[in-house]
Amino acid sequence: MRNYHGHSDRASAIDLMNYFVGSNEELNAYLNLLRIRAEQLVANALTWKEIEAVAAALFERKHLTAQEVKDIHLACLFPDGVPCIAI
């Protein structure tokens, strides 16, 4: 697995988080928490289904708009169509 793709994202996150923490110990604790939360999110079956659906769409089209990603998200949540609520 190649790790360098996320290096600049990690560096940007660290730069931003440095404005909100008081020490390297606190920074490392937040980074660890974010890593754990990301791992749990990806381990969720529904989230993984969405990741695979977005990946498949990207493989086909090479580019997705934010609305297309939202549409994929909703299609994964509601495979039979988004329910309408009568008011």
PDB file of N, CA and C in Angstrom:
ATOM      1  N   MET A   1       0.839  -1.179   0.000  1.00  0.00           N
ATOM      2  CA  MET A   1       0.000   0.000   0.000  1.00  0.00           C
ATOM      3  C   MET A   1       0.883   1.240   0.000  1.00  0.00           C
ATOM      4  N   ARG A   2       0.553   2.174  -0.856  1.00  0.00           N
ATOM      5  CA  ARG A   2       1.329   3.401  -0.942  1.00  0.00           C
ATOM      6  C   ARG A   2       0.758   4.426   0.034  1.00  0.00           C
ATOM      7  N   ASN A   3       1.614   5.013   0.844  1.00  0.00           N
ATOM      8  CA  ASN A   3       1.166   5.952   1.866  1.00  0.00           C
ATOM      9  C   ASN A   3       1.334   7.417   1.464  1.00  0.00           C
ATOM     10  N   TYR A   4       2.082   7.690   0.430  1.00  0.00           N
ATOM     11  CA  TYR A   4       2.414   9.078   0.132  1.00  0.00           C
ATOM     12  C   TYR A   4       1.254   9.890  -0.416  1.00  0.00           C
ATOM     13  N   HIS A   5       0.193   9.247  -0.904  1.00  0.00           N
ATOM     14  CA  HIS A   5      -0.928   9.999  -1.475  1.00  0.00           C
ATOM     15  C   HIS A   5      -1.605  10.889  -0.436  1.00  0.00           C
ATOM     16  N   GLY A   6      -1.698  10.442   0.801  1.00  0.00           N
ATOM     17  CA  GLY A   6      -2.366  11.217   1.831  1.00  0.00           C
ATOM     18  C   GLY A   6      -1.441  12.100   2.638  1.00  0.00           C
ATOM     19  N   HIS A   7      -0.163  12.115   2.282  1.00  0.00           N
ATOM     20  CA  HIS A   7       0.814  12.870   3.076  1.00  0.00           C
ATOM     21  C   HIS A   7       0.460  14.357   3.145  1.00  0.00           C
ATOM     22  N   SER A   8       0.131  14.977   2.032  1.00  0.00           N
ATOM     23  CA  SER A   8      -0.166  16.416   2.062  1.00  0.00           C
ATOM     24  C   SER A   8      -1.467  16.688   2.820  1.00  0.00           C
ATOM     25  N   ASP A   9      -2.436  15.770   2.750  1.00  0.00           N
ATOM     26  CA  ASP A   9      -3.679  15.927   3.518  1.00  0.00           C
ATOM     27  C   ASP A   9      -3.375  15.884   5.014  1.00  0.00           C
ATOM     28  N   ARG A  10      -2.523  14.941   5.411  1.00  0.00           N
ATOM     29  CA  ARG A  10      -2.146  14.826   6.827  1.00  0.00           C
ATOM     30  C   ARG A  10      -1.408  16.085   7.275  1.00  0.00           C
ATOM     31  N   ALA A  11      -0.496  16.568   6.453  1.00  0.00           N
ATOM     32  CA  ALA A  11       0.261  17.772   6.797  1.00  0.00           C
ATOM     33  C   ALA A  11      -0.680  18.978   6.936  1.00  0.00           C
ATOM     34  N   SER A  12      -1.653  19.083   6.044  1.00  0.00           N
ATOM     35  CA  SER A  12      -2.629  20.184   6.132  1.00  0.00           C
ATOM     36  C   SER A  12      -3.467  20.076   7.397  1.00  0.00           C
ATOM     37  N   ALA A  13      -3.874  18.855   7.736  1.00  0.00           N
ATOM     38  CA  ALA A  13      -4.664  18.650   8.964  1.00  0.00           C
ATOM     39  C   ALA A  13      -3.850  19.027  10.191  1.00  0.00           C
ATOM     40  N   ILE A  14      -2.594  18.626  10.211  1.00  0.00           N
ATOM     41  CA  ILE A  14      -1.732  18.956  11.349  1.00  0.00           C
ATOM     42  C   ILE A  14      -1.550  20.463  11.465  1.00  0.00           C
ATOM     43  N   ASP A  15      -1.311  21.127  10.344  1.00  0.00           N
ATOM     44  CA  ASP A  15      -1.156  22.591  10.369  1.00  0.00           C
ATOM     45  C   ASP A  15      -2.404  23.259  10.936  1.00  0.00           C
ATOM     46  N   LEU A  16      -3.567  22.816  10.504  1.00  0.00           N
ATOM     47  CA  LEU A  16      -4.820  23.398  10.987  1.00  0.00           C
ATOM     48  C   LEU A  16      -5.046  23.095  12.461  1.00  0.00           C
ATOM     49  N   MET A  17      -4.816  21.852  12.862  1.00  0.00           N
ATOM     50  CA  MET A  17      -5.056  21.457  14.247  1.00  0.00           C
ATOM     51  C   MET A  17      -4.101  22.149  15.215  1.00  0.00           C
ATOM     52  N   ASN A  18      -2.946  22.542  14.746  1.00  0.00           N
ATOM     53  CA  ASN A  18      -1.990  23.234  15.614  1.00  0.00           C
ATOM     54  C   ASN A  18      -2.545  24.548  16.161  1.00  0.00           C
ATOM     55  N   TYR A  19      -3.542  25.132  15.482  1.00  0.00           N
ATOM     56  CA  TYR A  19      -4.169  26.354  15.969  1.00  0.00           C
ATOM     57  C   TYR A  19      -5.069  26.099  17.182  1.00  0.00           C
ATOM     58  N   PHE A  20      -5.462  24.835  17.388  1.00  0.00           N
ATOM     59  CA  PHE A  20      -6.458  24.514  18.410  1.00  0.00           C
ATOM     60  C   PHE A  20      -5.934  23.687  19.569  1.00  0.00           C
ATOM     61  N   VAL A  21      -4.702  23.260  19.508  1.00  0.00           N
ATOM     62  CA  VAL A  21      -4.162  22.403  20.561  1.00  0.00           C
ATOM     63  C   VAL A  21      -3.064  23.133  21.318  1.00  0.00           C
ATOM     64  N   GLY A  22      -2.799  22.653  22.521  1.00  0.00           N
ATOM     65  CA  GLY A  22      -1.796  23.308  23.350  1.00  0.00           C
ATOM     66  C   GLY A  22      -0.460  22.599  23.392  1.00  0.00           C
ATOM     67  N   SER A  23      -0.406  21.363  22.855  1.00  0.00           N
ATOM     68  CA  SER A  23       0.842  20.619  22.920  1.00  0.00           C
ATOM     69  C   SER A  23       0.866  19.538  21.850  1.00  0.00           C
ATOM     70  N   ASN A  24       2.059  18.992  21.629  1.00  0.00           N
ATOM     71  CA  ASN A  24       2.181  17.875  20.696  1.00  0.00           C
ATOM     72  C   ASN A  24       1.429  16.657  21.207  1.00  0.00           C
ATOM     73  N   GLU A  25       1.387  16.499  22.530  1.00  0.00           N
ATOM     74  CA  GLU A  25       0.661  15.374  23.112  1.00  0.00           C
ATOM     75  C   GLU A  25      -0.829  15.457  22.767  1.00  0.00           C
ATOM     76  N   GLU A  26      -1.382  16.661  22.895  1.00  0.00           N
ATOM     77  CA  GLU A  26      -2.792  16.861  22.560  1.00  0.00           C
ATOM     78  C   GLU A  26      -3.014  16.673  21.057  1.00  0.00           C
ATOM     79  N   LEU A  27      -2.116  17.184  20.250  1.00  0.00           N
ATOM     80  CA  LEU A  27      -2.206  17.014  18.800  1.00  0.00           C
ATOM     81  C   LEU A  27      -2.215  15.530  18.440  1.00  0.00           C
ATOM     82  N   ASN A  28      -1.306  14.765  19.007  1.00  0.00           N
ATOM     83  CA  ASN A  28      -1.239  13.336  18.720  1.00  0.00           C
ATOM     84  C   ASN A  28      -2.498  12.608  19.168  1.00  0.00           C
ATOM     85  N   ALA A  29      -3.078  13.043  20.284  1.00  0.00           N
ATOM     86  CA  ALA A  29      -4.322  12.433  20.764  1.00  0.00           C
ATOM     87  C   ALA A  29      -5.453  12.687  19.765  1.00  0.00           C
ATOM     88  N   TYR A  30      -5.573  13.913  19.268  1.00  0.00           N
ATOM     89  CA  TYR A  30      -6.604  14.223  18.278  1.00  0.00           C
ATOM     90  C   TYR A  30      -6.383  13.449  16.991  1.00  0.00           C
ATOM     91  N   LEU A  31      -5.139  13.365  16.539  1.00  0.00           N
ATOM     92  CA  LEU A  31      -4.851  12.613  15.320  1.00  0.00           C
ATOM     93  C   LEU A  31      -5.205  11.143  15.500  1.00  0.00           C
ATOM     94  N   ASN A  32      -4.925  10.595  16.667  1.00  0.00           N
ATOM     95  CA  ASN A  32      -5.276   9.212  16.942  1.00  0.00           C
ATOM     96  C   ASN A  32      -6.789   9.025  16.944  1.00  0.00           C
ATOM     97  N   LEU A  33      -7.509   9.964  17.556  1.00  0.00           N
ATOM     98  CA  LEU A  33      -8.967   9.902  17.563  1.00  0.00           C
ATOM     99  C   LEU A  33      -9.512   9.950  16.130  1.00  0.00           C
ATOM    100  N   LEU A  34      -8.986  10.839  15.315  1.00  0.00           N
ATOM    101  CA  LEU A  34      -9.449  10.940  13.929  1.00  0.00           C
ATOM    102  C   LEU A  34      -9.156   9.666  13.143  1.00  0.00           C
ATOM    103  N   ARG A  35      -8.010   9.042  13.399  1.00  0.00           N
ATOM    104  CA  ARG A  35      -7.673   7.783  12.736  1.00  0.00           C
ATOM    105  C   ARG A  35      -8.668   6.696  13.129  1.00  0.00           C
ATOM    106  N   ILE A  36      -8.973   6.612  14.429  1.00  0.00           N
ATOM    107  CA  ILE A  36      -9.919   5.613  14.914  1.00  0.00           C
ATOM    108  C   ILE A  36     -11.298   5.844  14.302  1.00  0.00           C
ATOM    109  N   ARG A  37     -11.741   7.079  14.281  1.00  0.00           N
ATOM    110  CA  ARG A  37     -13.064   7.388  13.719  1.00  0.00           C
ATOM    111  C   ARG A  37     -13.119   7.058  12.238  1.00  0.00           C
ATOM    112  N   ALA A  38     -12.041   7.356  11.503  1.00  0.00           N
ATOM    113  CA  ALA A  38     -11.997   7.034  10.071  1.00  0.00           C
ATOM    114  C   ALA A  38     -12.040   5.527   9.857  1.00  0.00           C
ATOM    115  N   GLU A  39     -11.296   4.777  10.660  1.00  0.00           N
ATOM    116  CA  GLU A  39     -11.301   3.314  10.545  1.00  0.00           C
ATOM    117  C   GLU A  39     -12.692   2.754  10.813  1.00  0.00           C
ATOM    118  N   GLN A  40     -13.371   3.276  11.833  1.00  0.00           N
ATOM    119  CA  GLN A  40     -14.711   2.800  12.165  1.00  0.00           C
ATOM    120  C   GLN A  40     -15.713   3.164  11.074  1.00  0.00           C
ATOM    121  N   LEU A  41     -15.562   4.336  10.513  1.00  0.00           N
ATOM    122  CA  LEU A  41     -16.460   4.765   9.447  1.00  0.00           C
ATOM    123  C   LEU A  41     -16.328   3.847   8.237  1.00  0.00           C
ATOM    124  N   VAL A  42     -15.107   3.554   7.847  1.00  0.00           N
ATOM    125  CA  VAL A  42     -14.874   2.699   6.684  1.00  0.00           C
ATOM    126  C   VAL A  42     -15.293   1.256   6.973  1.00  0.00           C
ATOM    127  N   ALA A  43     -15.216   0.836   8.224  1.00  0.00           N
ATOM    128  CA  ALA A  43     -15.606  -0.530   8.598  1.00  0.00           C
ATOM    129  C   ALA A  43     -17.121  -0.721   8.586  1.00  0.00           C
ATOM    130  N   ASN A  44     -17.884   0.357   8.577  1.00  0.00           N
ATOM    131  CA  ASN A  44     -19.343   0.285   8.543  1.00  0.00           C
ATOM    132  C   ASN A  44     -19.790  -0.222   7.166  1.00  0.00           C
ATOM    133  N   ALA A  45     -20.657  -1.231   7.143  1.00  0.00           N
ATOM    134  CA  ALA A  45     -21.075  -1.860   5.887  1.00  0.00           C
ATOM    135  C   ALA A  45     -21.743  -0.870   4.931  1.00  0.00           C
ATOM    136  N   LEU A  46     -22.600  -0.003   5.445  1.00  0.00           N
ATOM    137  CA  LEU A  46     -23.272   0.959   4.565  1.00  0.00           C
ATOM    138  C   LEU A  46     -22.271   1.961   3.993  1.00  0.00           C
ATOM    139  N   THR A  47     -21.377   2.440   4.840  1.00  0.00           N
ATOM    140  CA  THR A  47     -20.365   3.382   4.361  1.00  0.00           C
ATOM    141  C   THR A  47     -19.501   2.725   3.290  1.00  0.00           C
ATOM    142  N   TRP A  48     -19.109   1.463   3.521  1.00  0.00           N
ATOM    143  CA  TRP A  48     -18.270   0.775   2.535  1.00  0.00           C
ATOM    144  C   TRP A  48     -19.021   0.608   1.220  1.00  0.00           C
ATOM    145  N   LYS A  49     -20.335   0.335   1.288  1.00  0.00           N
ATOM    146  CA  LYS A  49     -21.149   0.240   0.078  1.00  0.00           C
ATOM    147  C   LYS A  49     -21.115   1.563  -0.693  1.00  0.00           C
ATOM    148  N   GLU A  50     -21.193   2.673   0.034  1.00  0.00           N
ATOM    149  CA  GLU A  50     -21.137   3.991  -0.602  1.00  0.00           C
ATOM    150  C   GLU A  50     -19.762   4.244  -1.221  1.00  0.00           C
ATOM    151  N   ILE A  51     -18.705   3.866  -0.520  1.00  0.00           N
ATOM    152  CA  ILE A  51     -17.347   4.032  -1.044  1.00  0.00           C
ATOM    153  C   ILE A  51     -17.194   3.258  -2.350  1.00  0.00           C
ATOM    154  N   GLU A  52     -17.675   2.012  -2.349  1.00  0.00           N
ATOM    155  CA  GLU A  52     -17.577   1.200  -3.564  1.00  0.00           C
ATOM    156  C   GLU A  52     -18.398   1.806  -4.704  1.00  0.00           C
ATOM    157  N   ALA A  53     -19.572   2.335  -4.396  1.00  0.00           N
ATOM    158  CA  ALA A  53     -20.423   2.930  -5.427  1.00  0.00           C
ATOM    159  C   ALA A  53     -19.781   4.184  -6.019  1.00  0.00           C
ATOM    160  N   VAL A  54     -19.202   5.016  -5.182  1.00  0.00           N
ATOM    161  CA  VAL A  54     -18.517   6.215  -5.674  1.00  0.00           C
ATOM    162  C   VAL A  54     -17.291   5.807  -6.497  1.00  0.00           C
ATOM    163  N   ALA A  55     -16.540   4.816  -6.027  1.00  0.00           N
ATOM    164  CA  ALA A  55     -15.363   4.343  -6.763  1.00  0.00           C
ATOM    165  C   ALA A  55     -15.759   3.814  -8.136  1.00  0.00           C
ATOM    166  N   ALA A  56     -16.836   3.042  -8.195  1.00  0.00           N
ATOM    167  CA  ALA A  56     -17.299   2.502  -9.479  1.00  0.00           C
ATOM    168  C   ALA A  56     -17.702   3.620 -10.429  1.00  0.00           C
ATOM    169  N   ALA A  57     -18.399   4.628  -9.904  1.00  0.00           N
ATOM    170  CA  ALA A  57     -18.799   5.764 -10.742  1.00  0.00           C
ATOM    171  C   ALA A  57     -17.579   6.537 -11.229  1.00  0.00           C
ATOM    172  N   LEU A  58     -16.596   6.704 -10.365  1.00  0.00           N
ATOM    173  CA  LEU A  58     -15.365   7.393 -10.772  1.00  0.00           C
ATOM    174  C   LEU A  58     -14.601   6.597 -11.820  1.00  0.00           C
ATOM    175  N   PHE A  59     -14.611   5.288 -11.683  1.00  0.00           N
ATOM    176  CA  PHE A  59     -13.938   4.440 -12.657  1.00  0.00           C
ATOM    177  C   PHE A  59     -14.568   4.618 -14.038  1.00  0.00           C
ATOM    178  N   GLU A  60     -15.894   4.748 -14.075  1.00  0.00           N
ATOM    179  CA  GLU A  60     -16.616   4.942 -15.340  1.00  0.00           C
ATOM    180  C   GLU A  60     -16.442   6.347 -15.905  1.00  0.00           C
ATOM    181  N   ARG A  61     -16.583   7.361 -15.051  1.00  0.00           N
ATOM    182  CA  ARG A  61     -16.686   8.741 -15.528  1.00  0.00           C
ATOM    183  C   ARG A  61     -15.454   9.595 -15.270  1.00  0.00           C
ATOM    184  N   LYS A  62     -14.562   9.169 -14.398  1.00  0.00           N
ATOM    185  CA  LYS A  62     -13.317   9.878 -14.061  1.00  0.00           C
ATOM    186  C   LYS A  62     -13.524  11.150 -13.247  1.00  0.00           C
ATOM    187  N   HIS A  63     -14.744  11.674 -13.198  1.00  0.00           N
ATOM    188  CA  HIS A  63     -15.023  12.905 -12.447  1.00  0.00           C
ATOM    189  C   HIS A  63     -16.480  12.877 -11.999  1.00  0.00           C
ATOM    190  N   LEU A  64     -16.721  13.290 -10.764  1.00  0.00           N
ATOM    191  CA  LEU A  64     -18.085  13.389 -10.246  1.00  0.00           C
ATOM    192  C   LEU A  64     -18.287  14.760  -9.626  1.00  0.00           C
ATOM    193  N   THR A  65     -19.472  15.290  -9.802  1.00  0.00           N
ATOM    194  CA  THR A  65     -19.816  16.536  -9.128  1.00  0.00           C
ATOM    195  C   THR A  65     -20.245  16.202  -7.701  1.00  0.00           C
ATOM    196  N   ALA A  66     -20.326  17.223  -6.873  1.00  0.00           N
ATOM    197  CA  ALA A  66     -20.803  17.026  -5.508  1.00  0.00           C
ATOM    198  C   ALA A  66     -22.221  16.474  -5.529  1.00  0.00           C
ATOM    199  N   GLN A  67     -23.048  16.954  -6.441  1.00  0.00           N
ATOM    200  CA  GLN A  67     -24.432  16.471  -6.526  1.00  0.00           C
ATOM    201  C   GLN A  67     -24.478  15.004  -6.916  1.00  0.00           C
ATOM    202  N   GLU A  68     -23.597  14.581  -7.814  1.00  0.00           N
ATOM    203  CA  GLU A  68     -23.567  13.166  -8.201  1.00  0.00           C
ATOM    204  C   GLU A  68     -23.180  12.281  -7.011  1.00  0.00           C
ATOM    205  N   VAL A  69     -22.242  12.741  -6.192  1.00  0.00           N
ATOM    206  CA  VAL A  69     -21.861  11.978  -5.004  1.00  0.00           C
ATOM    207  C   VAL A  69     -23.030  11.928  -4.019  1.00  0.00           C
ATOM    208  N   LYS A  70     -23.734  13.049  -3.860  1.00  0.00           N
ATOM    209  CA  LYS A  70     -24.919  13.056  -2.992  1.00  0.00           C
ATOM    210  C   LYS A  70     -25.977  12.090  -3.511  1.00  0.00           C
ATOM    211  N   ASP A  71     -26.164  12.057  -4.816  1.00  0.00           N
ATOM    212  CA  ASP A  71     -27.148  11.151  -5.407  1.00  0.00           C
ATOM    213  C   ASP A  71     -26.766   9.689  -5.163  1.00  0.00           C
ATOM    214  N   ILE A  72     -25.483   9.373  -5.274  1.00  0.00           N
ATOM    215  CA  ILE A  72     -25.008   8.018  -4.996  1.00  0.00           C
ATOM    216  C   ILE A  72     -25.262   7.679  -3.529  1.00  0.00           C
ATOM    217  N   HIS A  73     -24.969   8.617  -2.650  1.00  0.00           N
ATOM    218  CA  HIS A  73     -25.208   8.429  -1.215  1.00  0.00           C
ATOM    219  C   HIS A  73     -26.677   8.103  -0.957  1.00  0.00           C
ATOM    220  N   LEU A  74     -27.574   8.890  -1.526  1.00  0.00           N
ATOM    221  CA  LEU A  74     -29.012   8.660  -1.320  1.00  0.00           C
ATOM    222  C   LEU A  74     -29.454   7.336  -1.921  1.00  0.00           C
ATOM    223  N   ALA A  75     -28.896   6.978  -3.072  1.00  0.00           N
ATOM    224  CA  ALA A  75     -29.261   5.700  -3.704  1.00  0.00           C
ATOM    225  C   ALA A  75     -28.821   4.522  -2.840  1.00  0.00           C
ATOM    226  N   CYS A  76     -27.707   4.670  -2.152  1.00  0.00           N
ATOM    227  CA  CYS A  76     -27.264   3.604  -1.238  1.00  0.00           C
ATOM    228  C   CYS A  76     -28.143   3.535   0.000  1.00  0.00           C
ATOM    229  N   LEU A  77     -28.552   4.689   0.506  1.00  0.00           N
ATOM    230  CA  LEU A  77     -29.419   4.719   1.686  1.00  0.00           C
ATOM    231  C   LEU A  77     -30.825   4.216   1.384  1.00  0.00           C
ATOM    232  N   PHE A  78     -31.323   4.581   0.203  1.00  0.00           N
ATOM    233  CA  PHE A  78     -32.703   4.260  -0.174  1.00  0.00           C
ATOM    234  C   PHE A  78     -32.709   3.596  -1.555  1.00  0.00           C
ATOM    235  N   PRO A  79     -32.362   2.308  -1.632  1.00  0.00           N
ATOM    236  CA  PRO A  79     -32.282   1.630  -2.931  1.00  0.00           C
ATOM    237  C   PRO A  79     -33.603   1.625  -3.706  1.00  0.00           C
ATOM    238  N   ASP A  80     -34.728   1.754  -3.000  1.00  0.00           N
ATOM    239  CA  ASP A  80     -36.041   1.775  -3.662  1.00  0.00           C
ATOM    240  C   ASP A  80     -36.524   3.186  -3.958  1.00  0.00           C
ATOM    241  N   GLY A  81     -35.657   4.168  -3.770  1.00  0.00           N
ATOM    242  CA  GLY A  81     -36.023   5.570  -4.004  1.00  0.00           C
ATOM    243  C   GLY A  81     -36.184   6.306  -2.682  1.00  0.00           C
ATOM    244  N   VAL A  82     -35.904   7.585  -2.724  1.00  0.00           N
ATOM    245  CA  VAL A  82     -35.982   8.417  -1.518  1.00  0.00           C
ATOM    246  C   VAL A  82     -37.442   8.599  -1.142  1.00  0.00           C
ATOM    247  N   PRO A  83     -37.827   8.262   0.095  1.00  0.00           N
ATOM    248  CA  PRO A  83     -39.224   8.394   0.501  1.00  0.00           C
ATOM    249  C   PRO A  83     -39.637   9.865   0.596  1.00  0.00           C
ATOM    250  N   CYS A  84     -40.854  10.135   0.205  1.00  0.00           N
ATOM    251  CA  CYS A  84     -41.408  11.494   0.336  1.00  0.00           C
ATOM    252  C   CYS A  84     -42.274  11.530   1.585  1.00  0.00           C
ATOM    253  N   ILE A  85     -42.193  12.621   2.299  1.00  0.00           N
ATOM    254  CA  ILE A  85     -42.985  12.795   3.522  1.00  0.00           C
ATOM    255  C   ILE A  85     -44.079  13.813   3.215  1.00  0.00           C
ATOM    256  N   ALA A  86     -45.322  13.370   3.311  1.00  0.00           N
ATOM    257  CA  ALA A  86     -46.439  14.279   3.072  1.00  0.00           C
ATOM    258  C   ALA A  86     -46.637  15.177   4.264  1.00  0.00           C
ATOM    259  N   ILE A  87     -46.838  16.432   3.981  1.00  0.00           N
ATOM    260  CA  ILE A  87     -47.038  17.406   5.061  1.00  0.00           C
ATOM    261  C   ILE A  87     -48.485  17.827   5.104  1.00  0.00           C
TER     262      ILE A  87
END
